[in-house]
Each structure stands twice: as C-alpha cells, then as structure tokens.
Amino acid sequence: MAVIVIKNLEEKTLDVQDFSRTLLQHAQQNGIDWMHACGGKGRCTTCKAIVLEGSQHLEPKTSAELRYENLGLLKSNERLACQVKIAGSVTVTIPDEGKLPHMKYSS
C-alpha cells in the first residue's frame, strides 16, 4: 500500500490502493476539493501539485505535462494532479495559485 501526504492540508494522508487513478481522483475520492479549471483533462495548469518527496514513485510525465513543462508553465518538481498516477508513497503540496478560498490550508 502507498500513501499520498498533502503537506499544506495539515498533512492529510490518503491511502492509495488503486494505482490506475490520478492524484486528482484520489483527492476527490477522499472529499478534498482541488482546483481543476479544465475538468481534469490536462488542458490547463490549475491543478498543479508540487512534489516534495517521492517523485520516483510517480508514473512518467504525460504528453500534457511535457507540453506545459516545455512552455515553462510547469517546473520540474511540479505535476498536474489530473494527469499524474501514483506508483508509491509521495508527499505533495498545493501551490498558492491553486488554493481554493473555502479550503483551510496549513503552512
């Protein structure tokens, strides 16, 4: 079993049992609202996640992620929550620009 820890949501820990699901899907399944303006289709960068630990446990970048990285809109330590699939334990944080006003974030 693997876990996703969301550092700035008071270290909320999500159990990962289905490795075919994206980070966004795991968050939604656990009742966490995560910004995704394009509906989770990889057409924008609003669902960015900053990977703090465990990048080796993420599936390779998708074509959408590579496109945004090449355009300078996605840093090497950032992934699109709607695209990235988890293969092992990882710790992420939500960047300031992706924070939703009704959610309580920790530092």
C-alpha atoms as a PDB file:
ATOM      1  CA  MET A   1       0.000   0.000   0.000  1.00  0.00           C
ATOM      2  CA  ALA A   2       1.097   3.563  -0.692  1.00  0.00           C
ATOM      3  CA  VAL A   3       0.047   6.923   0.699  1.00  0.00           C
ATOM      4  CA  ILE A   4      -0.280  10.458  -0.584  1.00  0.00           C
ATOM      5  CA  VAL A   5       0.523  13.105   2.016  1.00  0.00           C
ATOM      6  CA  ILE A   6      -0.736  16.609   1.238  1.00  0.00           C
ATOM      7  CA  LYS A   7       1.619  18.718   3.332  1.00  0.00           C
ATOM      8  CA  ASN A   8      -0.315  22.001   3.378  1.00  0.00           C
ATOM      9  CA  LEU A   9      -3.649  20.356   4.161  1.00  0.00           C
ATOM     10  CA  GLU A  10      -2.450  19.597   7.684  1.00  0.00           C
ATOM     11  CA  GLU A  11      -0.533  16.602   6.318  1.00  0.00           C
ATOM     12  CA  LYS A  12      -3.711  14.895   5.179  1.00  0.00           C
ATOM     13  CA  THR A  13      -2.866  11.287   4.320  1.00  0.00           C
ATOM     14  CA  LEU A  14      -4.688   9.398   1.575  1.00  0.00           C
ATOM     15  CA  ASP A  15      -4.383   5.639   1.224  1.00  0.00           C
ATOM     16  CA  VAL A  16      -3.646   4.533  -2.330  1.00  0.00           C
ATOM     17  CA  GLN A  17      -4.902   1.118  -3.308  1.00  0.00           C
ATOM     18  CA  ASP A  18      -5.901   1.750  -6.920  1.00  0.00           C
ATOM     19  CA  PHE A  19      -2.776   2.722  -8.863  1.00  0.00           C
ATOM     20  CA  SER A  20      -4.775   3.409 -12.031  1.00  0.00           C
ATOM     21  CA  ARG A  21      -6.232   6.612 -10.540  1.00  0.00           C
ATOM     22  CA  THR A  22      -4.722  10.104 -10.723  1.00  0.00           C
ATOM     23  CA  LEU A  23      -3.762  12.287  -7.790  1.00  0.00           C
ATOM     24  CA  LEU A  24      -6.850  14.414  -8.502  1.00  0.00           C
ATOM     25  CA  GLN A  25      -9.110  11.351  -8.431  1.00  0.00           C
ATOM     26  CA  HIS A  26      -7.626  10.205  -5.117  1.00  0.00           C
ATOM     27  CA  ALA A  27      -8.183  13.674  -3.639  1.00  0.00           C
ATOM     28  CA  GLN A  28     -11.784  13.816  -4.847  1.00  0.00           C
ATOM     29  CA  GLN A  29     -12.465  10.288  -3.613  1.00  0.00           C
ATOM     30  CA  ASN A  30     -11.396  11.484  -0.164  1.00  0.00           C
ATOM     31  CA  GLY A  31     -13.600  14.588  -0.194  1.00  0.00           C
ATOM     32  CA  ILE A  32     -10.807  17.056  -0.965  1.00  0.00           C
ATOM     33  CA  ASP A  33     -11.600  19.891  -3.348  1.00  0.00           C
ATOM     34  CA  TRP A  34      -8.700  20.519  -5.741  1.00  0.00           C
ATOM     35  CA  MET A  35      -8.788  23.256  -8.365  1.00  0.00           C
ATOM     36  CA  HIS A  36      -9.061  21.963 -11.942  1.00  0.00           C
ATOM     37  CA  ALA A  37     -10.498  24.531 -14.345  1.00  0.00           C
ATOM     38  CA  CYS A  38     -10.462  22.275 -17.413  1.00  0.00           C
ATOM     39  CA  GLY A  39     -12.330  19.433 -15.724  1.00  0.00           C
ATOM     40  CA  GLY A  40      -9.232  17.313 -15.207  1.00  0.00           C
ATOM     41  CA  LYS A  41      -8.394  16.888 -18.888  1.00  0.00           C
ATOM     42  CA  GLY A  42      -4.799  18.185 -18.889  1.00  0.00           C
ATOM     43  CA  ARG A  43      -5.705  21.343 -20.817  1.00  0.00           C
ATOM     44  CA  CYS A  44      -4.574  23.873 -18.202  1.00  0.00           C
ATOM     45  CA  THR A  45      -2.243  24.008 -15.220  1.00  0.00           C
ATOM     46  CA  THR A  46      -4.634  24.947 -12.425  1.00  0.00           C
ATOM     47  CA  CYS A  47      -4.333  21.554 -10.710  1.00  0.00           C
ATOM     48  CA  LYS A  48      -0.578  21.775 -10.159  1.00  0.00           C
ATOM     49  CA  ALA A  49       0.936  19.835  -7.290  1.00  0.00           C
ATOM     50  CA  ILE A  50       4.454  20.472  -6.032  1.00  0.00           C
ATOM     51  CA  VAL A  51       6.208  17.177  -5.314  1.00  0.00           C
ATOM     52  CA  LEU A  52       8.201  17.387  -2.086  1.00  0.00           C
ATOM     53  CA  GLU A  53       9.113  13.716  -1.663  1.00  0.00           C
ATOM     54  CA  GLY A  54       8.695  10.512  -3.610  1.00  0.00           C
ATOM     55  CA  SER A  55       8.991  11.742  -7.191  1.00  0.00           C
ATOM     56  CA  GLN A  56      10.474   8.350  -8.053  1.00  0.00           C
ATOM     57  CA  HIS A  57       7.077   6.838  -7.152  1.00  0.00           C
ATOM     58  CA  LEU A  58       5.213   8.755  -9.841  1.00  0.00           C
ATOM     59  CA  GLU A  59       4.416   7.481 -13.307  1.00  0.00           C
ATOM     60  CA  PRO A  60       6.317   9.228 -16.145  1.00  0.00           C
ATOM     61  CA  LYS A  61       5.096  12.640 -17.239  1.00  0.00           C
ATOM     62  CA  THR A  62       2.228  12.633 -19.692  1.00  0.00           C
ATOM     63  CA  SER A  63       2.327  14.467 -23.015  1.00  0.00           C
ATOM     64  CA  ALA A  64       0.243  17.278 -21.479  1.00  0.00           C
ATOM     65  CA  GLU A  65       2.729  17.665 -18.613  1.00  0.00           C
ATOM     66  CA  LEU A  66       5.688  17.650 -21.005  1.00  0.00           C
ATOM     67  CA  ARG A  67       3.986  20.279 -23.180  1.00  0.00           C
ATOM     68  CA  TYR A  68       3.468  22.627 -20.208  1.00  0.00           C
ATOM     69  CA  GLU A  69       6.978  21.956 -18.937  1.00  0.00           C
ATOM     70  CA  ASN A  70       8.395  22.879 -22.373  1.00  0.00           C
ATOM     71  CA  LEU A  71       6.332  26.084 -22.317  1.00  0.00           C
ATOM     72  CA  GLY A  72       7.766  26.970 -18.909  1.00  0.00           C
ATOM     73  CA  LEU A  73       4.388  26.637 -17.186  1.00  0.00           C
ATOM     74  CA  LEU A  74       5.307  23.548 -15.169  1.00  0.00           C
ATOM     75  CA  LYS A  75       8.544  23.277 -13.168  1.00  0.00           C
ATOM     76  CA  SER A  76      10.467  20.021 -12.950  1.00  0.00           C
ATOM     77  CA  ASN A  77       9.124  19.372  -9.412  1.00  0.00           C
ATOM     78  CA  GLU A  78       5.511  20.114 -10.383  1.00  0.00           C
ATOM     79  CA  ARG A  79       2.954  17.679 -11.760  1.00  0.00           C
ATOM     80  CA  LEU A  80      -0.625  18.025 -12.930  1.00  0.00           C
ATOM     81  CA  ALA A  81      -2.872  16.351 -10.372  1.00  0.00           C
ATOM     82  CA  CYS A  82      -5.288  15.371 -13.142  1.00  0.00           C
ATOM     83  CA  GLN A  83      -2.562  13.546 -15.051  1.00  0.00           C
ATOM     84  CA  VAL A  84      -0.093  12.033 -12.593  1.00  0.00           C
ATOM     85  CA  LYS A  85      -0.623   8.498 -11.361  1.00  0.00           C
ATOM     86  CA  ILE A  86       0.886   7.274  -8.121  1.00  0.00           C
ATOM     87  CA  ALA A  87       3.051   4.144  -8.010  1.00  0.00           C
ATOM     88  CA  GLY A  88       4.226   4.514  -4.378  1.00  0.00           C
ATOM     89  CA  SER A  89       4.196   6.902  -1.441  1.00  0.00           C
ATOM     90  CA  VAL A  90       4.546  10.597  -2.203  1.00  0.00           C
ATOM     91  CA  THR A  91       4.340  13.950  -0.398  1.00  0.00           C
ATOM     92  CA  VAL A  92       2.925  16.938  -2.256  1.00  0.00           C
ATOM     93  CA  THR A  93       1.797  20.474  -1.546  1.00  0.00           C
ATOM     94  CA  ILE A  94      -0.701  22.683  -3.319  1.00  0.00           C
ATOM     95  CA  PRO A  95       0.863  25.904  -4.680  1.00  0.00           C
ATOM     96  CA  ASP A  96      -0.597  29.259  -3.635  1.00  0.00           C
ATOM     97  CA  GLU A  97      -2.146  29.860  -7.057  1.00  0.00           C
ATOM     98  CA  GLY A  98      -4.085  26.588  -6.804  1.00  0.00           C
ATOM     99  CA  LYS A  99      -5.568  27.174  -3.365  1.00  0.00           C
ATOM    100  CA  LEU A 100      -9.338  27.414  -3.118  1.00  0.00           C
ATOM    101  CA  PRO A 101     -10.870  30.111  -0.889  1.00  0.00           C
ATOM    102  CA  HIS A 102     -13.121  27.744   1.067  1.00  0.00           C
ATOM    103  CA  MET A 103     -10.341  25.305   1.998  1.00  0.00           C
ATOM    104  CA  LYS A 104      -8.192  25.670   5.116  1.00  0.00           C
ATOM    105  CA  TYR A 105      -4.501  25.317   4.273  1.00  0.00           C
ATOM    106  CA  SER A 106      -1.636  24.941   6.715  1.00  0.00           C
ATOM    107  CA  SER A 107       1.897  26.159   6.171  1.00  0.00           C
END
